[in-house]
């Protein structure tokens, strides 16, 4: 379990919660020992966190567009992808190997892990887990916007005789293959904006877009 917790980037105070989150009902029908109750909770935490994340990342999107993105990111195959990327499936406790490879079971376990982290610590830790592992799945190109926000921001700075905008990497989380960057660009010490993306380019574009909105 130590190796799994390293992959999760979270150390459980109560390891029994992690074991419960990994236990399928084929092993025990006792809902206090299998993942079903934790999955119920984690599903709600994931939905709320993803809605908040999308609200921040796409300030120009209408409700319908946000809802469409939300559905893609919380559906079973998306959660299963996170579970497989973290190799959580190797630790699922079930009656047979076939059960552990079911998309629905993988999804349930992923949501149960979120619920277990929430119970073991607090909502902030559960949200941090979701943001680390889902943010990189959000393709900034899906916005459908052809605008180059970095160019727009630079032109706006030049028009106001301001220095060239500087982009600063505040954080890089995730794996080398699935990183998530947090980029900051500032007008001054008080007015700045953040951007998130699975590469520096997309994160910088979002940061530029957010700062443009603040300046307007």
C-alpha atoms as a PDB file:
ATOM      1  CA  UNK A   1       0.000   0.000   0.000  1.00  0.00           C
ATOM      2  CA  UNK A   2       2.967   2.328   0.496  1.00  0.00           C
ATOM      3  CA  UNK A   3       3.722   2.328  -3.236  1.00  0.00           C
ATOM      4  CA  UNK A   4       0.084   3.007  -4.078  1.00  0.00           C
ATOM      5  CA  UNK A   5      -0.054   5.928  -1.652  1.00  0.00           C
ATOM      6  CA  UNK A   6       3.035   7.372  -3.338  1.00  0.00           C
ATOM      7  CA  UNK A   7       1.222   7.198  -6.665  1.00  0.00           C
ATOM      8  CA  UNK A   8      -1.821   8.855  -5.120  1.00  0.00           C
ATOM      9  CA  UNK A   9       0.444  11.508  -3.572  1.00  0.00           C
ATOM     10  CA  UNK A  10      -1.564  11.076  -0.404  1.00  0.00           C
ATOM     11  CA  UNK A  11      -0.672   9.273   2.853  1.00  0.00           C
ATOM     12  CA  UNK A  12      -3.681   7.786   4.649  1.00  0.00           C
ATOM     13  CA  UNK A  13      -4.001   8.309   8.390  1.00  0.00           C
ATOM     14  CA  UNK A  14      -6.376   5.334   8.419  1.00  0.00           C
ATOM     15  CA  UNK A  15      -5.111   2.735   5.880  1.00  0.00           C
ATOM     16  CA  UNK A  16      -8.305   0.712   6.365  1.00  0.00           C
ATOM     17  CA  UNK A  17     -10.167   3.371   4.397  1.00  0.00           C
ATOM     18  CA  UNK A  18      -7.883   2.810   1.431  1.00  0.00           C
ATOM     19  CA  UNK A  19      -8.399  -0.939   1.670  1.00  0.00           C
ATOM     20  CA  UNK A  20     -12.168  -0.424   1.804  1.00  0.00           C
ATOM     21  CA  UNK A  21     -12.010   1.831  -1.283  1.00  0.00           C
ATOM     22  CA  UNK A  22     -10.301  -1.004  -3.167  1.00  0.00           C
ATOM     23  CA  UNK A  23     -12.685  -3.788  -2.065  1.00  0.00           C
ATOM     24  CA  UNK A  24     -15.377  -4.913  -4.517  1.00  0.00           C
ATOM     25  CA  UNK A  25     -18.750  -6.233  -3.354  1.00  0.00           C
ATOM     26  CA  UNK A  26     -17.883  -9.653  -4.818  1.00  0.00           C
ATOM     27  CA  UNK A  27     -15.575 -10.084  -1.831  1.00  0.00           C
ATOM     28  CA  UNK A  28     -18.009  -8.825   0.816  1.00  0.00           C
ATOM     29  CA  UNK A  29     -21.564  -7.568   0.698  1.00  0.00           C
ATOM     30  CA  UNK A  30     -20.973  -5.538   3.851  1.00  0.00           C
ATOM     31  CA  UNK A  31     -21.136  -1.926   2.666  1.00  0.00           C
ATOM     32  CA  UNK A  32     -18.950  -0.849   5.571  1.00  0.00           C
ATOM     33  CA  UNK A  33     -16.188  -3.058   4.178  1.00  0.00           C
ATOM     34  CA  UNK A  34     -16.596  -2.647   0.411  1.00  0.00           C
ATOM     35  CA  UNK A  35     -16.285   0.550  -1.606  1.00  0.00           C
ATOM     36  CA  UNK A  36     -19.957   1.272  -2.330  1.00  0.00           C
ATOM     37  CA  UNK A  37     -20.576   3.948   0.322  1.00  0.00           C
ATOM     38  CA  UNK A  38     -17.228   5.635  -0.386  1.00  0.00           C
ATOM     39  CA  UNK A  39     -17.997   5.575  -4.116  1.00  0.00           C
ATOM     40  CA  UNK A  40     -21.313   7.357  -3.451  1.00  0.00           C
ATOM     41  CA  UNK A  41     -19.470  10.119  -1.594  1.00  0.00           C
ATOM     42  CA  UNK A  42     -16.550  10.372  -4.012  1.00  0.00           C
ATOM     43  CA  UNK A  43     -18.881  10.697  -6.987  1.00  0.00           C
ATOM     44  CA  UNK A  44     -20.386  13.855  -5.449  1.00  0.00           C
ATOM     45  CA  UNK A  45     -16.989  15.305  -4.550  1.00  0.00           C
ATOM     46  CA  UNK A  46     -15.698  14.687  -8.080  1.00  0.00           C
ATOM     47  CA  UNK A  47     -18.735  16.322  -9.658  1.00  0.00           C
ATOM     48  CA  UNK A  48     -18.537  19.416  -7.472  1.00  0.00           C
ATOM     49  CA  UNK A  49     -14.773  19.778  -7.875  1.00  0.00           C
ATOM     50  CA  UNK A  50     -14.879  19.395 -11.643  1.00  0.00           C
ATOM     51  CA  UNK A  51     -17.694  21.952 -11.919  1.00  0.00           C
ATOM     52  CA  UNK A  52     -15.630  24.446  -9.905  1.00  0.00           C
ATOM     53  CA  UNK A  53     -12.479  23.723 -11.911  1.00  0.00           C
ATOM     54  CA  UNK A  54     -14.238  24.217 -15.245  1.00  0.00           C
ATOM     55  CA  UNK A  55     -15.890  27.401 -13.965  1.00  0.00           C
ATOM     56  CA  UNK A  56     -12.423  28.817 -13.224  1.00  0.00           C
ATOM     57  CA  UNK A  57     -10.648  27.515 -16.326  1.00  0.00           C
ATOM     58  CA  UNK A  58     -13.238  28.589 -18.900  1.00  0.00           C
ATOM     59  CA  UNK A  59     -14.647  31.953 -17.774  1.00  0.00           C
ATOM     60  CA  UNK A  60     -16.099  32.673 -21.230  1.00  0.00           C
ATOM     61  CA  UNK A  61     -17.914  29.358 -21.703  1.00  0.00           C
ATOM     62  CA  UNK A  62     -21.686  29.308 -21.528  1.00  0.00           C
ATOM     63  CA  UNK A  63     -23.494  26.910 -19.207  1.00  0.00           C
ATOM     64  CA  UNK A  64     -24.157  24.397 -22.000  1.00  0.00           C
ATOM     65  CA  UNK A  65     -20.485  24.196 -22.955  1.00  0.00           C
ATOM     66  CA  UNK A  66     -19.415  23.800 -19.323  1.00  0.00           C
ATOM     67  CA  UNK A  67     -21.985  21.051 -18.852  1.00  0.00           C
ATOM     68  CA  UNK A  68     -20.721  19.186 -21.918  1.00  0.00           C
ATOM     69  CA  UNK A  69     -17.132  19.341 -20.664  1.00  0.00           C
ATOM     70  CA  UNK A  70     -18.267  18.245 -17.217  1.00  0.00           C
ATOM     71  CA  UNK A  71     -20.007  15.145 -18.570  1.00  0.00           C
ATOM     72  CA  UNK A  72     -16.880  14.068 -20.452  1.00  0.00           C
ATOM     73  CA  UNK A  73     -14.626  14.449 -17.425  1.00  0.00           C
ATOM     74  CA  UNK A  74     -16.761  12.654 -14.832  1.00  0.00           C
ATOM     75  CA  UNK A  75     -18.092   9.804 -16.967  1.00  0.00           C
ATOM     76  CA  UNK A  76     -16.933   6.247 -16.275  1.00  0.00           C
ATOM     77  CA  UNK A  77     -14.252   5.969 -18.958  1.00  0.00           C
ATOM     78  CA  UNK A  78     -12.580   9.222 -17.838  1.00  0.00           C
ATOM     79  CA  UNK A  79     -12.416   8.099 -14.206  1.00  0.00           C
ATOM     80  CA  UNK A  80     -11.214   4.658 -15.307  1.00  0.00           C
ATOM     81  CA  UNK A  81      -8.425   6.324 -17.298  1.00  0.00           C
ATOM     82  CA  UNK A  82      -7.163   8.039 -14.142  1.00  0.00           C
ATOM     83  CA  UNK A  83      -7.318   4.768 -12.216  1.00  0.00           C
ATOM     84  CA  UNK A  84      -5.288   2.954 -14.878  1.00  0.00           C
ATOM     85  CA  UNK A  85      -2.770   5.782 -15.178  1.00  0.00           C
ATOM     86  CA  UNK A  86      -2.106   5.589 -11.439  1.00  0.00           C
ATOM     87  CA  UNK A  87      -2.137   1.751 -11.659  1.00  0.00           C
ATOM     88  CA  UNK A  88      -4.748   1.572  -8.930  1.00  0.00           C
ATOM     89  CA  UNK A  89      -6.321  -1.365 -10.796  1.00  0.00           C
ATOM     90  CA  UNK A  90      -3.390  -3.531  -9.689  1.00  0.00           C
ATOM     91  CA  UNK A  91      -4.620  -3.229  -6.084  1.00  0.00           C
ATOM     92  CA  UNK A  92      -8.366  -3.816  -6.531  1.00  0.00           C
ATOM     93  CA  UNK A  93      -9.643  -6.629  -4.319  1.00  0.00           C
ATOM     94  CA  UNK A  94     -12.247  -8.680  -6.212  1.00  0.00           C
ATOM     95  CA  UNK A  95     -13.220 -12.281  -6.868  1.00  0.00           C
ATOM     96  CA  UNK A  96     -11.434 -12.402 -10.236  1.00  0.00           C
ATOM     97  CA  UNK A  97      -9.210 -10.425 -12.585  1.00  0.00           C
ATOM     98  CA  UNK A  98     -12.034  -9.845 -15.071  1.00  0.00           C
ATOM     99  CA  UNK A  99     -13.975  -7.843 -12.479  1.00  0.00           C
ATOM    100  CA  UNK A 100     -11.021  -5.536 -11.821  1.00  0.00           C
ATOM    101  CA  UNK A 101     -10.836  -4.631 -15.526  1.00  0.00           C
ATOM    102  CA  UNK A 102     -14.476  -3.571 -15.845  1.00  0.00           C
ATOM    103  CA  UNK A 103     -14.796   0.116 -16.761  1.00  0.00           C
ATOM    104  CA  UNK A 104     -17.610   0.525 -14.236  1.00  0.00           C
ATOM    105  CA  UNK A 105     -15.580  -1.080 -11.445  1.00  0.00           C
ATOM    106  CA  UNK A 106     -12.538   1.036 -12.284  1.00  0.00           C
ATOM    107  CA  UNK A 107     -14.748   4.127 -12.166  1.00  0.00           C
ATOM    108  CA  UNK A 108     -16.303   3.081  -8.867  1.00  0.00           C
ATOM    109  CA  UNK A 109     -12.875   2.513  -7.303  1.00  0.00           C
ATOM    110  CA  UNK A 110     -11.628   5.890  -8.542  1.00  0.00           C
ATOM    111  CA  UNK A 111     -14.586   7.642  -6.966  1.00  0.00           C
ATOM    112  CA  UNK A 112     -14.206   5.565  -3.779  1.00  0.00           C
ATOM    113  CA  UNK A 113     -10.575   6.694  -3.496  1.00  0.00           C
ATOM    114  CA  UNK A 114     -11.760  10.320  -3.630  1.00  0.00           C
ATOM    115  CA  UNK A 115     -14.361   9.580  -0.968  1.00  0.00           C
ATOM    116  CA  UNK A 116     -11.791   7.824   1.209  1.00  0.00           C
ATOM    117  CA  UNK A 117      -9.397  10.779   1.018  1.00  0.00           C
ATOM    118  CA  UNK A 118     -12.260  13.103   1.972  1.00  0.00           C
ATOM    119  CA  UNK A 119     -13.179  11.001   5.026  1.00  0.00           C
ATOM    120  CA  UNK A 120      -9.533  10.469   6.015  1.00  0.00           C
ATOM    121  CA  UNK A 121      -8.653  14.176   5.934  1.00  0.00           C
ATOM    122  CA  UNK A 122     -10.850  16.953   4.538  1.00  0.00           C
ATOM    123  CA  UNK A 123     -12.503  18.332   1.417  1.00  0.00           C
ATOM    124  CA  UNK A 124      -9.371  20.313   0.496  1.00  0.00           C
ATOM    125  CA  UNK A 125      -7.271  17.148   0.169  1.00  0.00           C
ATOM    126  CA  UNK A 126      -9.956  15.448  -1.919  1.00  0.00           C
ATOM    127  CA  UNK A 127     -10.199  18.473  -4.212  1.00  0.00           C
ATOM    128  CA  UNK A 128      -6.401  18.591  -4.550  1.00  0.00           C
ATOM    129  CA  UNK A 129      -6.381  14.932  -5.617  1.00  0.00           C
ATOM    130  CA  UNK A 130      -8.993  15.582  -8.295  1.00  0.00           C
ATOM    131  CA  UNK A 131      -7.225  18.682  -9.597  1.00  0.00           C
ATOM    132  CA  UNK A 132      -3.872  16.845  -9.801  1.00  0.00           C
ATOM    133  CA  UNK A 133      -5.276  13.952 -11.764  1.00  0.00           C
ATOM    134  CA  UNK A 134      -8.058  15.441 -13.896  1.00  0.00           C
ATOM    135  CA  UNK A 135      -6.751  18.884 -14.857  1.00  0.00           C
ATOM    136  CA  UNK A 136      -4.331  17.425 -17.402  1.00  0.00           C
ATOM    137  CA  UNK A 137      -7.220  15.710 -19.181  1.00  0.00           C
ATOM    138  CA  UNK A 138      -8.812  19.016 -20.064  1.00  0.00           C
ATOM    139  CA  UNK A 139      -7.735  19.840 -23.600  1.00  0.00           C
ATOM    140  CA  UNK A 140      -7.586  23.606 -23.930  1.00  0.00           C
ATOM    141  CA  UNK A 141      -8.005  23.258 -27.710  1.00  0.00           C
ATOM    142  CA  UNK A 142     -11.605  22.151 -27.094  1.00  0.00           C
ATOM    143  CA  UNK A 143     -12.593  25.749 -26.451  1.00  0.00           C
ATOM    144  CA  UNK A 144     -12.825  26.140 -30.212  1.00  0.00           C
ATOM    145  CA  UNK A 145     -11.319  29.601 -29.976  1.00  0.00           C
ATOM    146  CA  UNK A 146      -8.933  30.677 -32.751  1.00  0.00           C
ATOM    147  CA  UNK A 147      -7.808  33.727 -30.833  1.00  0.00           C
ATOM    148  CA  UNK A 148      -4.214  33.991 -29.660  1.00  0.00           C
ATOM    149  CA  UNK A 149      -4.656  35.507 -26.221  1.00  0.00           C
ATOM    150  CA  UNK A 150      -0.920  35.932 -25.652  1.00  0.00           C
ATOM    151  CA  UNK A 151      -0.674  38.110 -28.748  1.00  0.00           C
ATOM    152  CA  UNK A 152      -3.720  40.119 -27.686  1.00  0.00           C
ATOM    153  CA  UNK A 153      -2.252  40.664 -24.237  1.00  0.00           C
ATOM    154  CA  UNK A 154       1.113  41.749 -25.615  1.00  0.00           C
ATOM    155  CA  UNK A 155      -0.567  44.228 -27.965  1.00  0.00           C
ATOM    156  CA  UNK A 156      -2.622  45.601 -25.087  1.00  0.00           C
ATOM    157  CA  UNK A 157       0.512  46.034 -22.960  1.00  0.00           C
ATOM    158  CA  UNK A 158       2.280  47.788 -25.833  1.00  0.00           C
ATOM    159  CA  UNK A 159      -0.691  50.095 -26.421  1.00  0.00           C
ATOM    160  CA  UNK A 160      -0.548  51.137 -22.759  1.00  0.00           C
ATOM    161  CA  UNK A 161       3.271  51.432 -22.899  1.00  0.00           C
ATOM    162  CA  UNK A 162       3.726  48.630 -20.384  1.00  0.00           C
ATOM    163  CA  UNK A 163       6.646  46.143 -20.247  1.00  0.00           C
ATOM    164  CA  UNK A 164       6.309  42.884 -22.155  1.00  0.00           C
ATOM    165  CA  UNK A 165       4.198  40.434 -20.099  1.00  0.00           C
ATOM    166  CA  UNK A 166       6.239  37.806 -18.276  1.00  0.00           C
ATOM    167  CA  UNK A 167       4.885  34.292 -17.722  1.00  0.00           C
ATOM    168  CA  UNK A 168       5.962  32.465 -14.568  1.00  0.00           C
ATOM    169  CA  UNK A 169       5.606  28.730 -13.888  1.00  0.00           C
ATOM    170  CA  UNK A 170       4.160  28.448 -10.373  1.00  0.00           C
ATOM    171  CA  UNK A 171       3.694  24.706 -10.308  1.00  0.00           C
ATOM    172  CA  UNK A 172       4.021  21.511 -12.280  1.00  0.00           C
ATOM    173  CA  UNK A 173       2.216  18.459 -10.922  1.00  0.00           C
ATOM    174  CA  UNK A 174       1.422  14.998 -12.234  1.00  0.00           C
ATOM    175  CA  UNK A 175       3.735  12.640 -14.079  1.00  0.00           C
ATOM    176  CA  UNK A 176       6.195  13.440 -16.845  1.00  0.00           C
ATOM    177  CA  UNK A 177       3.710  12.004 -19.342  1.00  0.00           C
ATOM    178  CA  UNK A 178       0.650  13.721 -17.841  1.00  0.00           C
ATOM    179  CA  UNK A 179       1.852  17.014 -16.336  1.00  0.00           C
ATOM    180  CA  UNK A 180      -0.352  19.915 -15.282  1.00  0.00           C
ATOM    181  CA  UNK A 181       1.170  23.394 -15.342  1.00  0.00           C
ATOM    182  CA  UNK A 182       0.075  26.461 -13.381  1.00  0.00           C
ATOM    183  CA  UNK A 183       1.226  29.690 -15.054  1.00  0.00           C
ATOM    184  CA  UNK A 184       1.052  33.243 -13.690  1.00  0.00           C
ATOM    185  CA  UNK A 185       1.148  36.442 -15.741  1.00  0.00           C
ATOM    186  CA  UNK A 186       0.933  39.846 -14.039  1.00  0.00           C
ATOM    187  CA  UNK A 187       0.124  43.448 -14.841  1.00  0.00           C
ATOM    188  CA  UNK A 188       1.511  44.459 -11.449  1.00  0.00           C
ATOM    189  CA  UNK A 189       1.714  43.083  -7.907  1.00  0.00           C
ATOM    190  CA  UNK A 190      -2.014  43.462  -7.400  1.00  0.00           C
ATOM    191  CA  UNK A 191      -3.410  42.512 -10.806  1.00  0.00           C
ATOM    192  CA  UNK A 192      -2.456  39.075 -12.109  1.00  0.00           C
ATOM    193  CA  UNK A 193      -4.048  35.947 -13.524  1.00  0.00           C
ATOM    194  CA  UNK A 194      -3.425  32.219 -13.471  1.00  0.00           C
ATOM    195  CA  UNK A 195      -3.745  29.632 -16.196  1.00  0.00           C
ATOM    196  CA  UNK A 196      -3.804  25.837 -16.106  1.00  0.00           C
ATOM    197  CA  UNK A 197      -2.962  23.325 -18.810  1.00  0.00           C
ATOM    198  CA  UNK A 198      -1.280  20.062 -19.691  1.00  0.00           C
ATOM    199  CA  UNK A 199       1.545  22.030 -21.328  1.00  0.00           C
ATOM    200  CA  UNK A 200       3.052  25.482 -20.847  1.00  0.00           C
ATOM    201  CA  UNK A 201       1.582  26.835 -24.067  1.00  0.00           C
ATOM    202  CA  UNK A 202      -2.041  26.100 -23.179  1.00  0.00           C
ATOM    203  CA  UNK A 203      -1.557  27.311 -19.590  1.00  0.00           C
ATOM    204  CA  UNK A 204      -0.006  30.578 -20.821  1.00  0.00           C
ATOM    205  CA  UNK A 205      -2.886  31.114 -23.253  1.00  0.00           C
ATOM    206  CA  UNK A 206      -5.414  30.716 -20.462  1.00  0.00           C
ATOM    207  CA  UNK A 207      -3.464  33.000 -18.129  1.00  0.00           C
ATOM    208  CA  UNK A 208      -3.327  35.652 -20.863  1.00  0.00           C
ATOM    209  CA  UNK A 209      -7.055  35.299 -21.506  1.00  0.00           C
ATOM    210  CA  UNK A 210      -7.864  35.697 -17.799  1.00  0.00           C
ATOM    211  CA  UNK A 211      -5.632  38.771 -17.432  1.00  0.00           C
ATOM    212  CA  UNK A 212      -7.190  40.378 -20.487  1.00  0.00           C
ATOM    213  CA  UNK A 213     -10.591  40.003 -18.870  1.00  0.00           C
ATOM    214  CA  UNK A 214      -9.363  41.568 -15.653  1.00  0.00           C
ATOM    215  CA  UNK A 215      -7.865  44.504 -17.510  1.00  0.00           C
ATOM    216  CA  UNK A 216     -11.112  45.082 -19.375  1.00  0.00           C
END
